[in-house]
Amino acid sequence: GGYERVKGEVLEDVFLARHVKASGGRLLAADGKELFSIRMYHSLDEIWNGWKKNMFTAMRKSVPRAVFHIAAVLAFLVT
């Protein structure tokens, strides 16, 4: 249980939240930006690779879902 169950996942926070919800638990999202800051990426290449990995995993590794979301974002940016 707990973190031990998800520690090998790319998006361990997402998978932990899914397990909590599946077991009937409650979740709370809180804004911690006043408490600390983190710099995850230092270059455009790191940003691209990090987001590509994280977003594809968040979309449950579904190519059709990824294509849909990319198209939706592009449509939003163009209009």
PDB file of N, CA and C in Angstrom:
ATOM      1  N   GLY A   1       0.800  -1.189   0.000  1.00  0.00           N
ATOM      2  CA  GLY A   1       0.000   0.000   0.000  1.00  0.00           C
ATOM      3  C   GLY A   1       0.843   1.254   0.000  1.00  0.00           C
ATOM      4  N   GLY A   2       0.196   2.392   0.003  1.00  0.00           N
ATOM      5  CA  GLY A   2       0.861   3.679   0.069  1.00  0.00           C
ATOM      6  C   GLY A   2       1.809   3.943  -1.085  1.00  0.00           C
ATOM      7  N   TYR A   3       2.840   4.725  -0.820  1.00  0.00           N
ATOM      8  CA  TYR A   3       3.794   5.120  -1.853  1.00  0.00           C
ATOM      9  C   TYR A   3       4.548   3.923  -2.413  1.00  0.00           C
ATOM     10  N   GLU A   4       4.781   2.936  -1.596  1.00  0.00           N
ATOM     11  CA  GLU A   4       5.506   1.729  -2.025  1.00  0.00           C
ATOM     12  C   GLU A   4       4.847   1.111  -3.265  1.00  0.00           C
ATOM     13  N   ARG A   5       3.542   1.228  -3.359  1.00  0.00           N
ATOM     14  CA  ARG A   5       2.777   0.638  -4.459  1.00  0.00           C
ATOM     15  C   ARG A   5       2.995   1.355  -5.795  1.00  0.00           C
ATOM     16  N   VAL A   6       3.394   2.632  -5.763  1.00  0.00           N
ATOM     17  CA  VAL A   6       3.488   3.430  -6.991  1.00  0.00           C
ATOM     18  C   VAL A   6       4.876   3.999  -7.254  1.00  0.00           C
ATOM     19  N   LYS A   7       5.851   3.673  -6.442  1.00  0.00           N
ATOM     20  CA  LYS A   7       7.154   4.343  -6.533  1.00  0.00           C
ATOM     21  C   LYS A   7       7.874   4.132  -7.856  1.00  0.00           C
ATOM     22  N   GLY A   8       7.531   3.112  -8.623  1.00  0.00           N
ATOM     23  CA  GLY A   8       8.174   2.873  -9.907  1.00  0.00           C
ATOM     24  C   GLY A   8       7.475   3.539 -11.085  1.00  0.00           C
ATOM     25  N   GLU A   9       6.384   4.228 -10.826  1.00  0.00           N
ATOM     26  CA  GLU A   9       5.614   4.868 -11.896  1.00  0.00           C
ATOM     27  C   GLU A   9       6.221   6.214 -12.271  1.00  0.00           C
ATOM     28  N   VAL A  10       6.076   6.605 -13.540  1.00  0.00           N
ATOM     29  CA  VAL A  10       6.547   7.917 -13.991  1.00  0.00           C
ATOM     30  C   VAL A  10       5.767   9.019 -13.288  1.00  0.00           C
ATOM     31  N   LEU A  11       4.471   8.867 -13.201  1.00  0.00           N
ATOM     32  CA  LEU A  11       3.600   9.852 -12.552  1.00  0.00           C
ATOM     33  C   LEU A  11       3.072   9.276 -11.248  1.00  0.00           C
ATOM     34  N   GLU A  12       3.972   9.075 -10.311  1.00  0.00           N
ATOM     35  CA  GLU A  12       3.566   8.401  -9.075  1.00  0.00           C
ATOM     36  C   GLU A  12       2.477   9.152  -8.335  1.00  0.00           C
ATOM     37  N   ASP A  13       2.449  10.481  -8.422  1.00  0.00           N
ATOM     38  CA  ASP A  13       1.402  11.234  -7.740  1.00  0.00           C
ATOM     39  C   ASP A  13       0.027  10.947  -8.340  1.00  0.00           C
ATOM     40  N   VAL A  14      -0.034  10.835  -9.655  1.00  0.00           N
ATOM     41  CA  VAL A  14      -1.301  10.536 -10.322  1.00  0.00           C
ATOM     42  C   VAL A  14      -1.772   9.132  -9.961  1.00  0.00           C
ATOM     43  N   PHE A  15      -0.861   8.166 -10.006  1.00  0.00           N
ATOM     44  CA  PHE A  15      -1.234   6.784  -9.693  1.00  0.00           C
ATOM     45  C   PHE A  15      -1.604   6.630  -8.218  1.00  0.00           C
ATOM     46  N   LEU A  16      -0.928   7.343  -7.340  1.00  0.00           N
ATOM     47  CA  LEU A  16      -1.279   7.300  -5.922  1.00  0.00           C
ATOM     48  C   LEU A  16      -2.690   7.861  -5.720  1.00  0.00           C
ATOM     49  N   ALA A  17      -3.002   8.965  -6.397  1.00  0.00           N
ATOM     50  CA  ALA A  17      -4.344   9.545  -6.296  1.00  0.00           C
ATOM     51  C   ALA A  17      -5.398   8.570  -6.811  1.00  0.00           C
ATOM     52  N   ARG A  18      -5.105   7.885  -7.906  1.00  0.00           N
ATOM     53  CA  ARG A  18      -6.060   6.902  -8.445  1.00  0.00           C
ATOM     54  C   ARG A  18      -6.308   5.773  -7.455  1.00  0.00           C
ATOM     55  N   HIS A  19      -5.248   5.312  -6.798  1.00  0.00           N
ATOM     56  CA  HIS A  19      -5.404   4.235  -5.809  1.00  0.00           C
ATOM     57  C   HIS A  19      -6.207   4.716  -4.603  1.00  0.00           C
ATOM     58  N   VAL A  20      -5.963   5.944  -4.177  1.00  0.00           N
ATOM     59  CA  VAL A  20      -6.714   6.496  -3.043  1.00  0.00           C
ATOM     60  C   VAL A  20      -8.200   6.563  -3.395  1.00  0.00           C
ATOM     61  N   LYS A  21      -8.515   7.100  -4.588  1.00  0.00           N
ATOM     62  CA  LYS A  21      -9.913   7.201  -5.009  1.00  0.00           C
ATOM     63  C   LYS A  21     -10.554   5.826  -5.160  1.00  0.00           C
ATOM     64  N   ALA A  22      -9.822   4.876  -5.751  1.00  0.00           N
ATOM     65  CA  ALA A  22     -10.364   3.532  -5.963  1.00  0.00           C
ATOM     66  C   ALA A  22     -10.673   2.832  -4.648  1.00  0.00           C
ATOM     67  N   SER A  23      -9.937   3.179  -3.605  1.00  0.00           N
ATOM     68  CA  SER A  23     -10.170   2.543  -2.307  1.00  0.00           C
ATOM     69  C   SER A  23     -11.166   3.332  -1.456  1.00  0.00           C
ATOM     70  N   GLY A  24     -11.810   4.344  -2.069  1.00  0.00           N
ATOM     71  CA  GLY A  24     -12.834   5.105  -1.355  1.00  0.00           C
ATOM     72  C   GLY A  24     -12.308   6.299  -0.593  1.00  0.00           C
ATOM     73  N   GLY A  25     -11.034   6.609  -0.745  1.00  0.00           N
ATOM     74  CA  GLY A  25     -10.454   7.754  -0.043  1.00  0.00           C
ATOM     75  C   GLY A  25     -10.819   9.074  -0.695  1.00  0.00           C
ATOM     76  N   ARG A  26     -10.487  10.167  -0.011  1.00  0.00           N
ATOM     77  CA  ARG A  26     -10.760  11.509  -0.510  1.00  0.00           C
ATOM     78  C   ARG A  26      -9.445  12.203  -0.826  1.00  0.00           C
ATOM     79  N   LEU A  27      -9.480  13.078  -1.823  1.00  0.00           N
ATOM     80  CA  LEU A  27      -8.292  13.819  -2.237  1.00  0.00           C
ATOM     81  C   LEU A  27      -8.509  15.308  -2.044  1.00  0.00           C
ATOM     82  N   LEU A  28      -7.424  16.015  -1.802  1.00  0.00           N
ATOM     83  CA  LEU A  28      -7.451  17.465  -1.687  1.00  0.00           C
ATOM     84  C   LEU A  28      -6.261  18.013  -2.453  1.00  0.00           C
ATOM     85  N   ALA A  29      -6.515  18.922  -3.370  1.00  0.00           N
ATOM     86  CA  ALA A  29      -5.431  19.594  -4.085  1.00  0.00           C
ATOM     87  C   ALA A  29      -5.197  20.937  -3.406  1.00  0.00           C
ATOM     88  N   ALA A  30      -3.965  21.231  -3.085  1.00  0.00           N
ATOM     89  CA  ALA A  30      -3.637  22.470  -2.388  1.00  0.00           C
ATOM     90  C   ALA A  30      -2.556  23.225  -3.147  1.00  0.00           C
ATOM     91  N   ASP A  31      -2.590  24.531  -3.076  1.00  0.00           N
ATOM     92  CA  ASP A  31      -1.608  25.394  -3.727  1.00  0.00           C
ATOM     93  C   ASP A  31      -0.446  25.623  -2.766  1.00  0.00           C
ATOM     94  N   GLY A  32       0.707  25.058  -3.103  1.00  0.00           N
ATOM     95  CA  GLY A  32       1.873  25.196  -2.233  1.00  0.00           C
ATOM     96  C   GLY A  32       2.929  26.140  -2.767  1.00  0.00           C
ATOM     97  N   LYS A  33       2.583  26.971  -3.771  1.00  0.00           N
ATOM     98  CA  LYS A  33       3.602  27.811  -4.399  1.00  0.00           C
ATOM     99  C   LYS A  33       4.204  28.846  -3.459  1.00  0.00           C
ATOM    100  N   GLU A  34       3.527  29.173  -2.390  1.00  0.00           N
ATOM    101  CA  GLU A  34       4.087  30.108  -1.409  1.00  0.00           C
ATOM    102  C   GLU A  34       5.033  29.403  -0.431  1.00  0.00           C
ATOM    103  N   LEU A  35       5.051  28.084  -0.444  1.00  0.00           N
ATOM    104  CA  LEU A  35       5.874  27.318   0.487  1.00  0.00           C
ATOM    105  C   LEU A  35       7.253  26.995  -0.068  1.00  0.00           C
ATOM    106  N   PHE A  36       7.329  26.693  -1.367  1.00  0.00           N
ATOM    107  CA  PHE A  36       8.612  26.326  -1.972  1.00  0.00           C
ATOM    108  C   PHE A  36       8.521  26.437  -3.485  1.00  0.00           C
ATOM    109  N   SER A  37       9.675  26.396  -4.139  1.00  0.00           N
ATOM    110  CA  SER A  37       9.701  26.377  -5.599  1.00  0.00           C
ATOM    111  C   SER A  37      10.720  25.344  -6.064  1.00  0.00           C
ATOM    112  N   ILE A  38      10.464  24.801  -7.240  1.00  0.00           N
ATOM    113  CA  ILE A  38      11.324  23.761  -7.806  1.00  0.00           C
ATOM    114  C   ILE A  38      11.544  24.084  -9.278  1.00  0.00           C
ATOM    115  N   ARG A  39      12.768  23.944  -9.729  1.00  0.00           N
ATOM    116  CA  ARG A  39      13.051  24.085 -11.156  1.00  0.00           C
ATOM    117  C   ARG A  39      13.283  22.693 -11.712  1.00  0.00           C
ATOM    118  N   MET A  40      12.328  22.212 -12.494  1.00  0.00           N
ATOM    119  CA  MET A  40      12.413  20.850 -13.015  1.00  0.00           C
ATOM    120  C   MET A  40      13.278  20.758 -14.261  1.00  0.00           C
ATOM    121  N   TYR A  41      13.235  21.786 -15.104  1.00  0.00           N
ATOM    122  CA  TYR A  41      13.909  21.723 -16.397  1.00  0.00           C
ATOM    123  C   TYR A  41      14.805  22.943 -16.587  1.00  0.00           C
ATOM    124  N   HIS A  42      15.898  22.741 -17.326  1.00  0.00           N
ATOM    125  CA  HIS A  42      16.860  23.821 -17.539  1.00  0.00           C
ATOM    126  C   HIS A  42      17.020  24.193 -19.006  1.00  0.00           C
ATOM    127  N   SER A  43      16.356  23.492 -19.917  1.00  0.00           N
ATOM    128  CA  SER A  43      16.472  23.792 -21.346  1.00  0.00           C
ATOM    129  C   SER A  43      15.169  23.411 -22.045  1.00  0.00           C
ATOM    130  N   LEU A  44      15.003  23.907 -23.270  1.00  0.00           N
ATOM    131  CA  LEU A  44      13.810  23.552 -24.041  1.00  0.00           C
ATOM    132  C   LEU A  44      13.753  22.057 -24.321  1.00  0.00           C
ATOM    133  N   ASP A  45      14.906  21.448 -24.561  1.00  0.00           N
ATOM    134  CA  ASP A  45      14.959  20.006 -24.799  1.00  0.00           C
ATOM    135  C   ASP A  45      14.476  19.231 -23.572  1.00  0.00           C
ATOM    136  N   GLU A  46      14.912  19.638 -22.389  1.00  0.00           N
ATOM    137  CA  GLU A  46      14.459  18.984 -21.156  1.00  0.00           C
ATOM    138  C   GLU A  46      12.956  19.183 -20.958  1.00  0.00           C
ATOM    139  N   ILE A  47      12.471  20.379 -21.261  1.00  0.00           N
ATOM    140  CA  ILE A  47      11.032  20.651 -21.132  1.00  0.00           C
ATOM    141  C   ILE A  47      10.245  19.733 -22.061  1.00  0.00           C
ATOM    142  N   TRP A  48      10.659  19.657 -23.334  1.00  0.00           N
ATOM    143  CA  TRP A  48       9.963  18.818 -24.313  1.00  0.00           C
ATOM    144  C   TRP A  48       9.949  17.356 -23.869  1.00  0.00           C
ATOM    145  N   ASN A  49      11.116  16.830 -23.512  1.00  0.00           N
ATOM    146  CA  ASN A  49      11.196  15.415 -23.133  1.00  0.00           C
ATOM    147  C   ASN A  49      10.425  15.116 -21.857  1.00  0.00           C
ATOM    148  N   GLY A  50      10.497  16.004 -20.882  1.00  0.00           N
ATOM    149  CA  GLY A  50       9.765  15.803 -19.635  1.00  0.00           C
ATOM    150  C   GLY A  50       8.265  15.837 -19.833  1.00  0.00           C
ATOM    151  N   TRP A  51       7.791  16.843 -20.549  1.00  0.00           N
ATOM    152  CA  TRP A  51       6.356  16.952 -20.782  1.00  0.00           C
ATOM    153  C   TRP A  51       5.851  15.835 -21.674  1.00  0.00           C
ATOM    154  N   LYS A  52       6.639  15.459 -22.683  1.00  0.00           N
ATOM    155  CA  LYS A  52       6.233  14.376 -23.581  1.00  0.00           C
ATOM    156  C   LYS A  52       6.021  13.089 -22.778  1.00  0.00           C
ATOM    157  N   LYS A  53       6.963  12.774 -21.928  1.00  0.00           N
ATOM    158  CA  LYS A  53       6.884  11.561 -21.102  1.00  0.00           C
ATOM    159  C   LYS A  53       5.706  11.641 -20.131  1.00  0.00           C
ATOM    160  N   ASN A  54       5.593  12.756 -19.436  1.00  0.00           N
ATOM    161  CA  ASN A  54       4.555  12.894 -18.421  1.00  0.00           C
ATOM    162  C   ASN A  54       3.156  12.955 -19.017  1.00  0.00           C
ATOM    163  N   MET A  55       2.972  13.720 -20.074  1.00  0.00           N
ATOM    164  CA  MET A  55       1.640  13.864 -20.648  1.00  0.00           C
ATOM    165  C   MET A  55       1.163  12.571 -21.304  1.00  0.00           C
ATOM    166  N   PHE A  56       2.054  11.869 -21.987  1.00  0.00           N
ATOM    167  CA  PHE A  56       1.655  10.604 -22.616  1.00  0.00           C
ATOM    168  C   PHE A  56       1.255   9.589 -21.550  1.00  0.00           C
ATOM    169  N   THR A  57       1.996   9.560 -20.456  1.00  0.00           N
ATOM    170  CA  THR A  57       1.648   8.662 -19.357  1.00  0.00           C
ATOM    171  C   THR A  57       0.325   9.077 -18.727  1.00  0.00           C
ATOM    172  N   ALA A  58       0.116  10.377 -18.549  1.00  0.00           N
ATOM    173  CA  ALA A  58      -1.134  10.869 -17.964  1.00  0.00           C
ATOM    174  C   ALA A  58      -2.336  10.511 -18.831  1.00  0.00           C
ATOM    175  N   MET A  59      -2.119  10.400 -20.133  1.00  0.00           N
ATOM    176  CA  MET A  59      -3.193  10.021 -21.050  1.00  0.00           C
ATOM    177  C   MET A  59      -3.312   8.510 -21.177  1.00  0.00           C
ATOM    178  N   ARG A  60      -2.741   7.820 -20.212  1.00  0.00           N
ATOM    179  CA  ARG A  60      -2.791   6.353 -20.120  1.00  0.00           C
ATOM    180  C   ARG A  60      -2.201   5.679 -21.356  1.00  0.00           C
ATOM    181  N   LYS A  61      -1.170   6.304 -21.907  1.00  0.00           N
ATOM    182  CA  LYS A  61      -0.404   5.786 -23.056  1.00  0.00           C
ATOM    183  C   LYS A  61      -1.298   5.461 -24.244  1.00  0.00           C
ATOM    184  N   SER A  62      -2.307   6.301 -24.447  1.00  0.00           N
ATOM    185  CA  SER A  62      -3.250   6.125 -25.549  1.00  0.00           C
ATOM    186  C   SER A  62      -2.909   7.112 -26.659  1.00  0.00           C
ATOM    187  N   VAL A  63      -2.495   6.601 -27.812  1.00  0.00           N
ATOM    188  CA  VAL A  63      -2.164   7.474 -28.944  1.00  0.00           C
ATOM    189  C   VAL A  63      -3.388   8.269 -29.404  1.00  0.00           C
ATOM    190  N   PRO A  64      -4.569   7.653 -29.574  1.00  0.00           N
ATOM    191  CA  PRO A  64      -5.734   8.454 -29.979  1.00  0.00           C
ATOM    192  C   PRO A  64      -6.052   9.570 -28.977  1.00  0.00           C
ATOM    193  N   ARG A  65      -5.940   9.278 -27.695  1.00  0.00           N
ATOM    194  CA  ARG A  65      -6.202  10.295 -26.680  1.00  0.00           C
ATOM    195  C   ARG A  65      -5.164  11.413 -26.776  1.00  0.00           C
ATOM    196  N   ALA A  66      -3.903  11.061 -26.988  1.00  0.00           N
ATOM    197  CA  ALA A  66      -2.842  12.063 -27.115  1.00  0.00           C
ATOM    198  C   ALA A  66      -3.079  12.938 -28.343  1.00  0.00           C
ATOM    199  N   VAL A  67      -3.432  12.319 -29.468  1.00  0.00           N
ATOM    200  CA  VAL A  67      -3.699  13.080 -30.695  1.00  0.00           C
ATOM    201  C   VAL A  67      -4.872  14.030 -30.478  1.00  0.00           C
ATOM    202  N   PHE A  68      -5.919  13.554 -29.827  1.00  0.00           N
ATOM    203  CA  PHE A  68      -7.076  14.407 -29.544  1.00  0.00           C
ATOM    204  C   PHE A  68      -6.666  15.621 -28.715  1.00  0.00           C
ATOM    205  N   HIS A  69      -5.901  15.407 -27.657  1.00  0.00           N
ATOM    206  CA  HIS A  69      -5.507  16.513 -26.787  1.00  0.00           C
ATOM    207  C   HIS A  69      -4.575  17.490 -27.497  1.00  0.00           C
ATOM    208  N   ILE A  70      -3.665  16.987 -28.301  1.00  0.00           N
ATOM    209  CA  ILE A  70      -2.776  17.869 -29.064  1.00  0.00           C
ATOM    210  C   ILE A  70      -3.600  18.710 -30.037  1.00  0.00           C
ATOM    211  N   ALA A  71      -4.549  18.082 -30.728  1.00  0.00           N
ATOM    212  CA  ALA A  71      -5.412  18.813 -31.663  1.00  0.00           C
ATOM    213  C   ALA A  71      -6.236  19.869 -30.933  1.00  0.00           C
ATOM    214  N   ALA A  72      -6.737  19.532 -29.756  1.00  0.00           N
ATOM    215  CA  ALA A  72      -7.531  20.485 -28.981  1.00  0.00           C
ATOM    216  C   ALA A  72      -6.688  21.687 -28.567  1.00  0.00           C
ATOM    217  N   VAL A  73      -5.469  21.443 -28.133  1.00  0.00           N
ATOM    218  CA  VAL A  73      -4.583  22.545 -27.736  1.00  0.00           C
ATOM    219  C   VAL A  73      -4.252  23.412 -28.942  1.00  0.00           C
ATOM    220  N   LEU A  74      -3.921  22.783 -30.073  1.00  0.00           N
ATOM    221  CA  LEU A  74      -3.611  23.547 -31.282  1.00  0.00           C
ATOM    222  C   LEU A  74      -4.815  24.368 -31.741  1.00  0.00           C
ATOM    223  N   ALA A  75      -6.001  23.792 -31.681  1.00  0.00           N
ATOM    224  CA  ALA A  75      -7.214  24.526 -32.059  1.00  0.00           C
ATOM    225  C   ALA A  75      -7.423  25.720 -31.136  1.00  0.00           C
ATOM    226  N   PHE A  76      -7.160  25.536 -29.859  1.00  0.00           N
ATOM    227  CA  PHE A  76      -7.299  26.626 -28.895  1.00  0.00           C
ATOM    228  C   PHE A  76      -6.299  27.737 -29.191  1.00  0.00           C
ATOM    229  N   LEU A  77      -5.066  27.366 -29.533  1.00  0.00           N
ATOM    230  CA  LEU A  77      -4.029  28.361 -29.803  1.00  0.00           C
ATOM    231  C   LEU A  77      -4.285  29.123 -31.099  1.00  0.00           C
ATOM    232  N   VAL A  78      -4.896  28.467 -32.074  1.00  0.00           N
ATOM    233  CA  VAL A  78      -5.132  29.087 -33.379  1.00  0.00           C
ATOM    234  C   VAL A  78      -6.345  30.015 -33.345  1.00  0.00           C
ATOM    235  N   THR A  79      -7.360  29.669 -32.555  1.00  0.00           N
ATOM    236  CA  THR A  79      -8.585  30.480 -32.553  1.00  0.00           C
ATOM    237  C   THR A  79      -8.515  31.626 -31.591  1.00  0.00           C
TER     238      THR A  79
END
